[in-house]
Amino acid sequence: MHMPVHAFRDGASVMKKHWKLVGLGVGVLLAAEIYKKYNRKRRIQQRKDEVKKSCARLRQQLQNDGINEAKSKVITDLSITQLQSKLQNGELKAIDVLRAYQYKALEVNDKTNCIVEPIKEAEVWARELDNQTGPKGPLHGIPISIKECYSIKGYFVTAGMSYFLDKVVDDDAVLVKVVKAAGGVPFVRTNIPQTMMTFECSNPLYGNTTNPHDSTRSPGGSSGGEGALIGGGGSILGIGGDIGGSIRIPSHMCGIVGLKPTVQRLSLNGSLALNSGQTHVKPSGGPMANSVDGVVLAMKVLLDDTLFTLDPFVPPLKFNTKVYESKKPLRIGYYTDDGIITPVPACVRAVHEAKQALEKLGHTMVPFSPPDVHAAVARYTRTVLAERGDIAAGLLAGDEIDPSYKLMYHTYQTLPNILRMFFGLLMKTQDRLAGEVVSQRRIWFMLDWWDLHDEITAYKSKFIQHWRDMNLDAVISPGLACPALPSFKSIRVSTVLSYTALWNLLNFPAGSVPVSKVTENDQKQLNDTEVYPAKKYFERKLKEFCQDGVGLPVNVQCIALPYQEEVVLRLMKEIETNTK
């Protein structure tokens, strides 16, 4: 049977119309995507302009008020105990202290780009404190810097992603509320890395933060803005967060004091978390300061009825001053190498100096080998990368990917699985753990997730048994395997995280305290193959990145069992006092 010619013509006409509709639809989608990208770029630029103007307005206001370096220095040179005393007895006004720290913070920001923005209400809060009658809170008039991920009413919380620029938050985070209730004055918000999943400190919204001791190096992350600001003298006390070292790494790299408490000892309500459904390894909020006294003051203030009322899921355990001030000799384990990556000589030396200082105080120091750190860190990475960064990738759709996150993003989001597995196998020949991390598969099934939980629980039991078999009260270790790294190089030596992430997996409180600085002799030993053979690939990269590091800060880490933050802080105070 023959098809009439007009039928072909009619069919062709219909097809033509359909293709026109398809073409129109594709055009609309492309136009929408182009507009979306344009709008995001516009919002990013708008945000950058807002921040720049905010800093400029504050600078002009300080100039109009006659605030200069000399006036600022009189106040910013005070220790936190001196500052607290002068504010309590009325010798200093809250507004004058605020102005001094605003001036210094802007000065440090000019060098490091550590501030996201000043908090414009700080002046109102300071003047209200000066005008109040009655008892003063323990933080009365003390300026407090706040990591960008904590909600402050009327501000954006972004983790460095333009996705979150559509809405300002409508309430303060719980820790911010507690700080304000105690008389503290939140005065600046500090920078973070895009997604807060790296230990750099850079994002497309606010730029790259540099180290206050060397502008070519990173301050660490993700609380890197806090580290840089406090390390540069622009804040005396701040609030950070930690899920793999995000308080302790910046503390170590910037030469300040930081504490990662046991999970939920301090509330994280009102803090941005991209993967809050991940429950095996949870983040901790904690204080960062230029002294142990500052961190202790913060913990005493935060562990209060105000916190327990605002977040009833926080166990109502107040700060135990008796434990902190105890002079009872302790049995303390120490180690300088966890078997994953050997720390550079400066970091090893710092542990030995801290050990000697503690021995002189009467403590018993015993060599300690944390059991099977490889298995622990492998489970940590399987947990925090269970979805291989899919949540962050979804939020970053159409956004600019920051250089600090680019390698991780492309490894898990754009590289074909077969290539990723191949590269993982290649890396295993150089570094087993790194190869496993690269070739890691998504966890798709609930039973696998439960199995991982059981593995972590079993490891915790094994670790605590080892701890008890050695009759330990605490442990000290390197703050990290290296001092501050050149900016954007941390991903190339990511296994250094083994020194911090272990304690997140275990949920042990851990603090970082300055002990020393890199010396010429440390550099000489780094380049001596007898002292530092650098047998592994990452150790060779570490050796390369740690050249020209004389003068960089070096911390040690103090660790105790869960809910024994006071023991950690006692050791940190003793090390701080006896290693200077």
Protein backbone atom coordinates (compact mmCIF):
# COMPACT_ATOMS: atom_id res chain seq x y z
CA MET A 1 0.00 0.00 0.00
CA HIS A 2 1.39 3.37 -0.99
CA MET A 3 1.44 6.31 1.47
CA PRO A 4 -0.04 9.49 -0.08
CA VAL A 5 2.46 12.30 -0.65
CA HIS A 6 0.39 14.73 1.42
CA ALA A 7 0.70 12.41 4.44
CA PHE A 8 4.49 12.74 4.30
CA ARG A 9 4.10 16.50 4.04
CA ASP A 10 1.75 16.62 7.03
CA GLY A 11 4.13 14.43 9.09
CA ALA A 12 7.09 16.60 8.20
CA SER A 13 5.13 19.69 9.17
CA VAL A 14 4.26 18.19 12.57
CA MET A 15 7.88 17.15 13.16
CA LYS A 16 9.03 20.62 12.21
CA LYS A 17 6.67 22.13 14.77
CA HIS A 18 7.87 19.66 17.43
CA TRP A 19 11.51 20.49 16.76
CA LYS A 20 10.69 24.17 17.02
CA LEU A 21 9.10 23.54 20.42
CA VAL A 22 12.09 21.44 21.52
CA GLY A 23 14.44 24.16 20.32
CA LEU A 24 12.41 26.79 22.15
CA GLY A 25 12.48 24.71 25.34
CA VAL A 26 16.23 24.20 25.12
CA GLY A 27 16.67 27.91 24.49
CA VAL A 28 14.58 28.78 27.54
CA LEU A 29 16.57 26.36 29.72
CA LEU A 30 19.88 27.76 28.46
CA ALA A 31 18.67 31.31 29.02
CA ALA A 32 17.53 30.39 32.55
CA GLU A 33 20.91 28.80 33.30
CA ILE A 34 22.79 31.81 31.92
CA TYR A 35 20.62 34.15 34.01
CA LYS A 36 21.13 31.98 37.08
CA LYS A 37 24.92 32.13 36.68
CA TYR A 38 24.79 35.86 36.00
CA ASN A 39 22.62 36.40 39.07
CA ARG A 40 25.00 34.36 41.25
CA LYS A 41 28.00 36.33 40.03
CA ARG A 42 26.09 39.55 40.67
CA ARG A 43 25.22 38.43 44.20
CA ILE A 44 28.82 37.41 44.90
CA GLN A 45 30.08 40.79 43.73
CA GLN A 46 27.36 42.55 45.70
CA ARG A 47 28.40 40.63 48.81
CA LYS A 48 32.06 41.52 48.29
CA ASP A 49 31.12 45.19 47.91
CA GLU A 50 28.97 45.09 51.07
CA VAL A 51 31.85 43.66 53.11
CA LYS A 52 34.33 46.18 51.72
CA LYS A 53 31.98 49.08 52.52
CA SER A 54 31.32 47.73 56.01
CA CYS A 55 35.06 47.66 56.80
CA ALA A 56 35.53 51.12 55.25
CA ARG A 57 32.70 52.59 57.36
CA LEU A 58 34.19 51.17 60.53
CA ARG A 59 37.65 52.46 59.63
CA GLN A 60 36.25 55.95 59.06
CA GLN A 61 34.32 55.83 62.33
CA LEU A 62 37.45 54.86 64.26
CA GLN A 63 39.38 57.65 62.58
CA ASN A 64 36.66 60.15 63.48
CA ASP A 65 36.81 58.96 67.10
CA GLY A 66 40.57 59.52 67.18
CA ILE A 67 41.46 55.85 67.65
CA ASN A 68 45.04 55.17 66.61
CA GLU A 69 47.62 52.43 67.03
CA ALA A 70 48.99 53.79 70.29
CA LYS A 71 45.54 54.01 71.92
CA SER A 72 44.60 50.57 70.65
CA LYS A 73 47.85 48.98 71.85
CA VAL A 74 47.36 50.10 75.46
CA ILE A 75 44.29 47.84 75.58
CA THR A 76 45.18 45.02 73.17
CA ASP A 77 48.46 44.39 75.01
CA LEU A 78 46.54 43.41 78.16
CA SER A 79 46.17 39.74 79.05
CA ILE A 80 42.62 38.46 79.26
CA THR A 81 42.75 38.37 83.07
CA GLN A 82 43.98 41.98 83.16
CA LEU A 83 41.33 43.04 80.65
CA GLN A 84 38.56 41.28 82.54
CA SER A 85 39.67 42.87 85.82
CA LYS A 86 39.77 46.41 84.39
CA LEU A 87 36.33 45.99 82.81
CA GLN A 88 34.87 44.58 86.03
CA ASN A 89 36.20 47.38 88.24
CA GLY A 90 35.20 50.11 85.77
CA GLU A 91 38.75 51.18 84.93
CA LEU A 92 37.95 50.47 81.29
CA LYS A 93 34.69 50.99 79.40
CA ALA A 94 33.31 48.37 77.06
CA ILE A 95 33.12 50.87 74.19
CA ASP A 96 36.80 51.77 74.54
CA VAL A 97 37.85 48.12 74.56
CA LEU A 98 35.66 47.47 71.54
CA ARG A 99 37.18 50.39 69.63
CA ALA A 100 40.71 49.20 70.44
CA TYR A 101 40.03 45.70 69.14
CA GLN A 102 38.14 46.95 66.10
CA TYR A 103 41.19 49.02 65.17
CA LYS A 104 43.58 46.12 65.66
CA ALA A 105 41.26 43.67 63.87
CA LEU A 106 41.15 45.89 60.78
CA GLU A 107 44.94 46.16 60.88
CA VAL A 108 45.30 42.36 61.01
CA ASN A 109 42.66 42.01 58.31
CA ASP A 110 44.69 44.26 56.00
CA LYS A 111 47.54 41.75 56.29
CA THR A 112 45.63 38.47 56.32
CA ASN A 113 42.06 38.99 55.01
CA CYS A 114 40.70 37.12 58.03
CA ILE A 115 37.48 39.06 58.63
CA VAL A 116 34.24 38.34 56.80
CA GLU A 117 32.69 41.52 58.17
CA PRO A 118 32.43 43.65 61.32
CA ILE A 119 29.28 43.18 63.39
CA LYS A 120 27.65 46.60 63.21
CA GLU A 121 25.53 46.14 66.36
CA ALA A 122 28.66 45.68 68.51
CA GLU A 123 28.79 49.39 69.39
CA VAL A 124 25.17 49.36 70.59
CA TRP A 125 25.84 46.28 72.72
CA ALA A 126 29.01 47.82 74.21
CA ARG A 127 27.25 51.09 75.11
CA GLU A 128 24.37 49.17 76.69
CA LEU A 129 26.89 47.37 78.89
CA ASP A 130 28.48 50.68 79.91
CA ASN A 131 25.06 52.09 80.82
CA GLN A 132 23.79 49.10 82.77
CA THR A 133 23.62 48.99 86.55
CA GLY A 134 23.89 45.94 88.75
CA PRO A 135 26.16 42.90 88.55
CA LYS A 136 28.40 42.49 85.53
CA GLY A 137 28.66 39.26 83.58
CA PRO A 138 31.99 37.39 83.56
CA LEU A 139 32.66 38.41 79.93
CA HIS A 140 31.48 42.00 80.50
CA GLY A 141 32.81 44.14 77.64
CA ILE A 142 35.22 41.55 76.22
CA PRO A 143 35.13 41.57 72.39
CA ILE A 144 34.55 38.08 70.94
CA SER A 145 35.22 37.03 67.35
CA ILE A 146 32.84 34.50 65.80
CA LYS A 147 33.46 31.95 63.03
CA GLU A 148 31.26 32.60 59.98
CA CYS A 149 29.30 29.35 60.36
CA TYR A 150 27.60 30.56 63.57
CA SER A 151 24.27 32.33 63.12
CA ILE A 152 24.02 35.97 64.13
CA LYS A 153 20.62 37.55 63.58
CA GLY A 154 20.52 39.69 60.44
CA TYR A 155 23.63 38.19 58.81
CA PHE A 156 24.37 35.60 56.13
CA VAL A 157 25.81 32.21 57.05
CA THR A 158 27.32 30.81 53.87
CA ALA A 159 30.29 28.45 54.36
CA GLY A 160 31.71 30.43 51.44
CA MET A 161 28.93 29.40 49.02
CA SER A 162 26.69 31.78 47.09
CA TYR A 163 23.77 29.35 47.50
CA PHE A 164 23.22 30.76 51.00
CA LEU A 165 23.18 34.42 49.95
CA ASP A 166 19.41 34.40 49.47
CA LYS A 167 18.50 34.55 53.14
CA VAL A 168 19.79 36.22 56.29
CA VAL A 169 19.41 34.25 59.51
CA ASP A 170 16.69 35.27 61.94
CA ASP A 171 18.20 34.19 65.26
CA ASP A 172 21.53 33.88 67.06
CA ALA A 173 23.29 30.56 67.54
CA VAL A 174 23.08 29.21 71.08
CA LEU A 175 26.77 29.88 71.83
CA VAL A 176 26.38 33.47 70.60
CA LYS A 177 23.41 33.90 72.93
CA VAL A 178 25.40 32.55 75.88
CA VAL A 179 28.34 34.85 75.09
CA LYS A 180 26.03 37.89 74.95
CA ALA A 181 24.20 36.86 78.14
CA ALA A 182 27.58 36.79 79.92
CA GLY A 183 28.38 40.33 78.73
CA GLY A 184 30.61 39.41 75.79
CA VAL A 185 30.49 41.59 72.68
CA PRO A 186 30.58 39.68 69.36
CA PHE A 187 32.39 42.17 67.12
CA VAL A 188 33.62 40.48 63.94
CA ARG A 189 32.83 37.38 61.88
CA THR A 190 35.79 35.41 60.59
CA ASN A 191 36.60 33.58 57.38
CA ILE A 192 36.28 29.89 56.51
CA PRO A 193 37.09 27.66 53.51
CA GLN A 194 34.40 26.95 50.93
CA THR A 195 32.21 24.07 52.26
CA MET A 196 34.33 23.94 55.47
CA MET A 197 35.59 20.54 54.28
CA THR A 198 39.27 21.45 53.93
CA PHE A 199 41.93 22.87 56.24
CA GLU A 200 42.61 25.86 54.01
CA CYS A 201 40.82 29.18 54.47
CA SER A 202 39.61 30.47 51.10
CA ASN A 203 36.31 30.93 49.28
CA PRO A 204 34.96 32.95 46.32
CA LEU A 205 32.84 35.23 48.53
CA TYR A 206 35.46 36.50 50.94
CA GLY A 207 38.78 35.50 49.37
CA ASN A 208 41.86 33.79 50.76
CA THR A 209 43.04 34.25 54.36
CA THR A 210 46.78 34.13 54.97
CA ASN A 211 48.88 33.27 58.00
CA PRO A 212 49.79 36.19 60.32
CA HIS A 213 53.36 34.84 60.61
CA ASP A 214 53.96 34.39 56.86
CA SER A 215 51.66 35.78 54.18
CA THR A 216 52.61 33.01 51.72
CA ARG A 217 51.21 30.36 54.06
CA SER A 218 47.77 29.23 55.15
CA PRO A 219 46.39 29.83 58.65
CA GLY A 220 44.81 26.37 58.49
CA GLY A 221 41.12 25.66 58.63
CA SER A 222 38.32 25.51 58.80
CA SER A 223 38.44 28.04 61.66
CA GLY A 224 41.30 29.77 59.82
CA GLY A 225 39.91 33.29 60.09
CA GLU A 226 39.82 32.90 63.87
CA GLY A 227 43.37 31.54 63.88
CA ALA A 228 44.71 34.40 61.77
CA LEU A 229 42.85 37.13 63.67
CA ILE A 230 43.79 35.90 67.15
CA GLY A 231 47.32 34.98 66.04
CA GLY A 232 47.76 38.50 64.68
CA GLY A 233 46.48 40.10 67.90
CA GLY A 234 43.15 41.32 66.48
CA SER A 235 41.02 39.29 68.89
CA ILE A 236 41.62 37.97 72.37
CA LEU A 237 38.93 35.28 72.33
CA GLY A 238 36.83 33.63 69.65
CA ILE A 239 34.50 30.73 68.90
CA GLY A 240 35.39 28.07 66.32
CA GLY A 241 34.25 24.59 65.32
CA ASP A 242 36.04 21.26 64.79
CA ILE A 243 35.17 17.99 63.02
CA GLY A 244 38.66 16.89 61.95
CA GLY A 245 41.00 19.47 63.43
CA SER A 246 39.27 22.72 62.44
CA ILE A 247 40.05 24.41 65.77
CA ARG A 248 43.36 22.69 66.51
CA ILE A 249 44.98 23.03 63.07
CA PRO A 250 44.58 26.84 62.87
CA SER A 251 45.67 27.07 66.51
CA HIS A 252 48.84 25.12 65.68
CA MET A 253 49.56 26.99 62.45
CA CYS A 254 48.92 30.44 63.95
CA GLY A 255 50.48 29.84 67.37
CA ILE A 256 47.36 30.26 69.51
CA VAL A 257 45.37 28.13 71.96
CA GLY A 258 42.31 26.12 70.95
CA LEU A 259 40.11 23.43 72.49
CA LYS A 260 37.95 20.80 70.79
CA PRO A 261 35.57 19.66 73.52
CA THR A 262 33.72 16.38 73.67
CA VAL A 263 30.81 16.43 71.20
CA GLN A 264 27.76 18.16 72.69
CA ARG A 265 29.63 19.49 75.73
CA LEU A 266 28.92 22.83 74.01
CA SER A 267 25.85 23.38 71.85
CA LEU A 268 26.10 23.65 68.08
CA ASN A 269 22.48 24.76 67.60
CA GLY A 270 22.52 27.58 65.08
CA SER A 271 25.77 26.50 63.45
CA LEU A 272 25.70 25.64 59.75
CA ALA A 273 26.40 21.96 59.03
CA LEU A 274 26.26 20.71 55.45
CA ASN A 275 26.01 17.02 56.37
CA SER A 276 24.10 17.14 59.65
CA GLY A 277 22.60 13.71 58.88
CA GLN A 278 26.03 12.12 59.29
CA THR A 279 25.96 10.91 62.88
CA HIS A 280 29.07 8.74 63.37
CA VAL A 281 31.57 11.62 63.73
CA LYS A 282 30.01 14.89 64.82
CA PRO A 283 31.48 18.41 65.06
CA SER A 284 32.32 20.25 68.27
CA GLY A 285 32.13 23.95 68.98
CA GLY A 286 34.98 25.34 71.04
CA PRO A 287 36.93 28.42 72.15
CA MET A 288 40.13 29.80 70.60
CA ALA A 289 42.27 32.40 72.37
CA ASN A 290 45.74 33.88 72.71
CA SER A 291 46.21 32.12 76.07
CA VAL A 292 45.00 29.09 78.00
CA ASP A 293 43.44 31.52 80.49
CA GLY A 294 41.20 32.78 77.69
CA VAL A 295 40.01 29.29 76.78
CA VAL A 296 39.44 28.42 80.45
CA LEU A 297 37.43 31.62 80.97
CA ALA A 298 35.32 30.79 77.92
CA MET A 299 34.63 27.24 79.12
CA LYS A 300 33.68 28.45 82.61
CA VAL A 301 31.27 30.97 81.09
CA LEU A 302 29.80 28.73 78.42
CA LEU A 303 29.22 25.73 80.71
CA ASP A 304 26.48 27.57 82.55
CA ASP A 305 22.75 27.32 83.23
CA THR A 306 22.09 29.65 80.29
CA LEU A 307 23.56 27.04 77.92
CA PHE A 308 21.76 24.14 79.60
CA THR A 309 18.43 26.00 79.35
CA LEU A 310 18.86 27.04 75.73
CA ASP A 311 19.91 23.54 74.66
CA PRO A 312 18.56 20.82 76.98
CA PHE A 313 20.47 18.16 75.01
CA VAL A 314 23.75 19.50 76.40
CA PRO A 315 24.63 17.52 79.55
CA PRO A 316 24.44 19.92 82.51
CA LEU A 317 28.10 19.56 83.50
CA LYS A 318 29.59 22.80 84.77
CA PHE A 319 33.30 23.51 84.60
CA ASN A 320 35.13 21.52 87.28
CA THR A 321 37.57 24.03 88.75
CA LYS A 322 38.83 21.49 91.30
CA VAL A 323 40.05 19.17 88.52
CA TYR A 324 41.57 22.05 86.56
CA GLU A 325 43.48 23.41 89.57
CA SER A 326 44.55 19.99 90.91
CA LYS A 327 48.26 19.44 91.59
CA LYS A 328 47.96 15.66 91.67
CA PRO A 329 50.70 14.04 89.54
CA LEU A 330 49.32 12.38 86.42
CA ARG A 331 50.39 9.45 84.28
CA ILE A 332 50.67 10.83 80.76
CA GLY A 333 51.34 9.01 77.51
CA TYR A 334 53.26 10.68 74.72
CA TYR A 335 54.05 9.88 71.09
CA THR A 336 55.74 11.63 68.17
CA ASP A 337 54.81 9.37 65.24
CA ASP A 338 51.45 7.69 64.59
CA GLY A 339 52.72 5.51 61.75
CA ILE A 340 50.75 7.36 59.06
CA ILE A 341 53.10 10.26 58.36
CA THR A 342 56.24 11.19 60.31
CA PRO A 343 56.15 14.75 61.67
CA VAL A 344 58.93 17.15 60.71
CA PRO A 345 61.70 17.64 63.34
CA ALA A 346 60.26 20.86 64.79
CA CYS A 347 56.99 19.12 65.68
CA VAL A 348 58.83 16.16 67.24
CA ARG A 349 61.03 18.51 69.28
CA ALA A 350 57.98 20.35 70.62
CA VAL A 351 56.56 17.11 72.06
CA HIS A 352 59.88 16.31 73.77
CA GLU A 353 60.06 19.83 75.25
CA ALA A 354 56.50 19.52 76.58
CA LYS A 355 57.32 16.06 77.97
CA GLN A 356 60.38 17.39 79.81
CA ALA A 357 58.39 20.31 81.23
CA LEU A 358 55.68 17.98 82.53
CA GLU A 359 58.25 15.58 84.01
CA LYS A 360 59.78 18.45 85.98
CA LEU A 361 56.34 19.09 87.48
CA GLY A 362 56.24 15.53 88.80
CA HIS A 363 54.11 13.83 86.15
CA THR A 364 55.00 10.33 84.96
CA MET A 365 55.59 10.31 81.20
CA VAL A 366 55.32 6.99 79.35
CA PRO A 367 55.74 6.17 75.64
CA PHE A 368 52.35 5.55 74.03
CA SER A 369 51.45 4.01 70.68
CA PRO A 370 47.85 4.68 69.63
CA PRO A 371 46.53 1.37 68.30
CA ASP A 372 45.95 0.92 64.55
CA VAL A 373 45.69 4.59 63.59
CA HIS A 374 45.42 3.58 59.95
CA ALA A 375 42.15 1.73 60.60
CA ALA A 376 40.84 4.64 62.67
CA VAL A 377 41.57 7.30 60.06
CA ALA A 378 40.27 5.08 57.25
CA ARG A 379 36.96 4.79 59.11
CA TYR A 380 36.97 8.51 59.78
CA THR A 381 37.31 9.32 56.06
CA ARG A 382 34.72 6.68 55.12
CA THR A 383 32.35 8.44 57.51
CA VAL A 384 32.87 12.09 56.59
CA LEU A 385 33.03 11.26 52.87
CA ALA A 386 30.27 8.64 52.92
CA GLU A 387 28.39 10.53 50.20
CA ARG A 388 31.65 11.67 48.57
CA GLY A 389 30.76 15.35 48.87
CA ASP A 390 27.44 15.06 46.99
CA ILE A 391 25.63 17.43 49.38
CA ALA A 392 28.25 20.16 48.94
CA ALA A 393 28.33 19.55 45.18
CA GLY A 394 24.57 20.08 44.98
CA LEU A 395 24.86 23.38 46.83
CA LEU A 396 27.76 24.39 44.58
CA ALA A 397 25.87 23.74 41.32
CA GLY A 398 26.58 26.73 39.08
CA ASP A 399 28.87 28.28 41.71
CA GLU A 400 32.55 29.10 41.39
CA ILE A 401 34.68 26.31 42.85
CA ASP A 402 37.44 27.71 45.03
CA PRO A 403 41.04 26.57 44.39
CA SER A 404 41.16 25.18 47.94
CA TYR A 405 38.30 22.78 47.19
CA LYS A 406 38.82 22.15 43.48
CA LEU A 407 40.93 18.98 43.72
CA MET A 408 38.55 17.32 46.18
CA TYR A 409 35.54 18.41 44.12
CA HIS A 410 36.86 17.03 40.84
CA THR A 411 38.20 13.84 42.45
CA TYR A 412 34.77 12.84 43.71
CA GLN A 413 32.36 14.66 41.40
CA THR A 414 33.76 14.80 37.86
CA LEU A 415 36.44 12.11 37.60
CA PRO A 416 34.99 8.87 36.14
CA ASN A 417 34.93 6.07 38.71
CA ILE A 418 37.24 3.83 36.72
CA LEU A 419 39.88 6.58 36.55
CA ARG A 420 39.46 7.40 40.23
CA MET A 421 39.96 3.75 41.13
CA PHE A 422 43.03 3.61 38.89
CA PHE A 423 44.54 6.71 40.48
CA GLY A 424 43.70 5.30 43.92
CA LEU A 425 45.62 2.10 43.13
CA LEU A 426 48.58 4.16 41.92
CA MET A 427 48.54 6.26 45.09
CA LYS A 428 48.44 3.15 47.28
CA THR A 429 51.92 2.27 46.01
CA GLN A 430 53.11 5.56 47.57
CA ASP A 431 50.70 6.00 50.48
CA ARG A 432 48.18 3.33 51.40
CA LEU A 433 45.78 5.59 53.31
CA ALA A 434 45.74 8.31 50.63
CA GLY A 435 45.04 5.70 47.96
CA GLU A 436 42.13 4.31 49.97
CA VAL A 437 40.66 7.78 50.43
CA VAL A 438 40.84 8.55 46.69
CA SER A 439 39.30 5.23 45.63
CA GLN A 440 36.64 5.28 48.34
CA ARG A 441 33.14 4.27 47.24
CA ARG A 442 29.88 5.89 48.29
CA ILE A 443 28.00 4.19 51.08
CA TRP A 444 24.66 3.40 49.46
CA PHE A 445 23.12 0.89 51.85
CA MET A 446 21.92 1.35 55.40
CA LEU A 447 23.43 -1.98 56.47
CA ASP A 448 26.87 -0.77 55.35
CA TRP A 449 26.34 2.43 57.36
CA TRP A 450 25.39 0.41 60.43
CA ASP A 451 28.40 -1.87 59.93
CA LEU A 452 30.65 1.20 59.83
CA HIS A 453 29.10 2.40 63.09
CA ASP A 454 29.82 -0.98 64.68
CA GLU A 455 33.43 -0.86 63.45
CA ILE A 456 33.92 2.61 64.96
CA THR A 457 32.35 1.51 68.25
CA ALA A 458 34.61 -1.54 68.37
CA TYR A 459 37.67 0.64 67.70
CA LYS A 460 36.67 3.01 70.51
CA SER A 461 36.41 0.07 72.92
CA LYS A 462 39.80 -1.26 71.80
CA PHE A 463 41.40 2.17 72.22
CA ILE A 464 39.95 2.79 75.68
CA GLN A 465 41.05 -0.68 76.80
CA HIS A 466 44.59 0.09 75.62
CA TRP A 467 44.41 3.43 77.47
CA ARG A 468 43.27 1.71 80.68
CA ASP A 469 45.83 -1.08 80.36
CA MET A 470 48.48 1.66 80.44
CA ASN A 471 46.67 3.40 83.33
CA LEU A 472 46.78 6.78 81.57
CA ASP A 473 45.24 10.06 82.67
CA ALA A 474 46.07 11.92 79.45
CA VAL A 475 48.19 11.89 76.28
CA ILE A 476 50.29 14.50 74.47
CA SER A 477 51.13 14.37 70.77
CA PRO A 478 52.28 16.62 67.93
CA GLY A 479 49.82 19.43 67.22
CA LEU A 480 50.14 18.35 63.58
CA ALA A 481 52.83 16.73 61.44
CA CYS A 482 54.02 20.11 60.14
CA PRO A 483 53.87 23.84 60.83
CA ALA A 484 51.91 26.20 58.55
CA LEU A 485 51.82 25.07 54.92
CA PRO A 486 52.00 27.23 51.79
CA SER A 487 48.50 28.33 50.77
CA PHE A 488 46.51 25.76 48.74
CA LYS A 489 49.02 22.94 49.36
CA SER A 490 47.28 21.15 52.25
CA ILE A 491 45.31 18.79 50.00
CA ARG A 492 48.63 17.41 48.75
CA VAL A 493 49.62 16.28 52.26
CA SER A 494 46.15 15.55 53.61
CA THR A 495 47.26 12.55 55.69
CA VAL A 496 48.68 14.99 58.28
CA LEU A 497 45.06 15.06 59.49
CA SER A 498 45.71 11.72 61.21
CA TYR A 499 47.08 13.64 64.21
CA THR A 500 43.81 15.51 64.75
CA ALA A 501 41.05 13.41 63.14
CA LEU A 502 41.80 10.42 65.38
CA TRP A 503 40.41 12.32 68.38
CA ASN A 504 37.27 13.35 66.47
CA LEU A 505 36.58 9.70 65.65
CA LEU A 506 37.12 8.74 69.31
CA ASN A 507 35.24 11.81 70.58
CA PHE A 508 38.00 12.63 73.08
CA PRO A 509 38.54 16.27 74.10
CA ALA A 510 41.75 17.64 72.60
CA GLY A 511 43.48 20.99 72.86
CA SER A 512 46.35 22.68 71.05
CA VAL A 513 48.88 24.88 72.88
CA PRO A 514 52.00 26.72 71.61
CA VAL A 515 55.38 25.35 72.70
CA SER A 516 57.99 26.69 70.32
CA LYS A 517 58.85 28.06 66.88
CA VAL A 518 60.72 26.48 64.00
CA THR A 519 64.48 27.05 64.39
CA GLU A 520 67.41 27.01 61.98
CA ASN A 521 68.45 23.69 63.51
CA ASP A 522 64.98 22.25 62.83
CA GLN A 523 65.39 23.21 59.17
CA LYS A 524 68.85 21.65 59.11
CA GLN A 525 67.48 18.40 60.55
CA LEU A 526 64.58 18.43 58.08
CA ASN A 527 67.11 18.31 55.24
CA ASP A 528 69.23 15.63 56.91
CA THR A 529 68.13 12.24 55.54
CA GLU A 530 69.51 10.53 58.66
CA VAL A 531 67.08 12.53 60.82
CA TYR A 532 64.14 12.85 58.42
CA PRO A 533 64.41 10.18 55.70
CA ALA A 534 61.05 11.11 54.09
CA LYS A 535 60.46 7.60 52.77
CA LYS A 536 56.80 8.12 51.85
CA TYR A 537 55.52 10.32 49.03
CA PHE A 538 53.57 12.61 51.38
CA GLU A 539 56.63 12.96 53.63
CA ARG A 540 58.67 14.10 50.64
CA LYS A 541 55.97 16.67 49.82
CA LEU A 542 55.93 17.72 53.47
CA LYS A 543 59.68 18.23 53.38
CA GLU A 544 59.29 20.40 50.27
CA PHE A 545 56.48 22.50 51.75
CA CYS A 546 58.26 23.03 55.10
CA GLN A 547 61.33 24.71 53.63
CA ASP A 548 62.00 28.32 54.73
CA GLY A 549 59.83 27.86 57.81
CA VAL A 550 62.04 29.44 60.48
CA GLY A 551 59.91 31.35 62.98
CA LEU A 552 56.64 29.50 62.34
CA PRO A 553 54.71 28.46 65.47
CA VAL A 554 54.72 24.86 66.69
CA ASN A 555 52.08 23.53 69.10
CA VAL A 556 51.50 20.27 70.92
CA GLN A 557 48.20 18.55 71.46
CA CYS A 558 46.80 17.45 74.83
CA ILE A 559 44.12 14.75 75.02
CA ALA A 560 41.99 13.14 77.74
CA LEU A 561 38.96 10.87 78.00
CA PRO A 562 35.48 12.17 77.09
CA TYR A 563 34.13 14.99 79.31
CA GLN A 564 37.55 15.58 80.88
CA GLU A 565 38.20 18.96 79.26
CA GLU A 566 39.47 20.25 82.59
CA VAL A 567 42.32 17.69 82.54
CA VAL A 568 43.23 18.77 79.01
CA LEU A 569 43.22 22.43 80.01
CA ARG A 570 45.27 21.76 83.14
CA LEU A 571 48.01 20.16 81.01
CA MET A 572 47.81 22.96 78.45
CA LYS A 573 48.25 25.56 81.18
CA GLU A 574 51.21 23.70 82.67
CA ILE A 575 52.85 23.38 79.25
CA GLU A 576 52.19 27.04 78.42
CA THR A 577 53.68 28.19 81.72
CA ASN A 578 56.74 25.93 81.68
CA THR A 579 57.90 25.96 78.06
CA LYS A 580 58.25 29.71 77.58
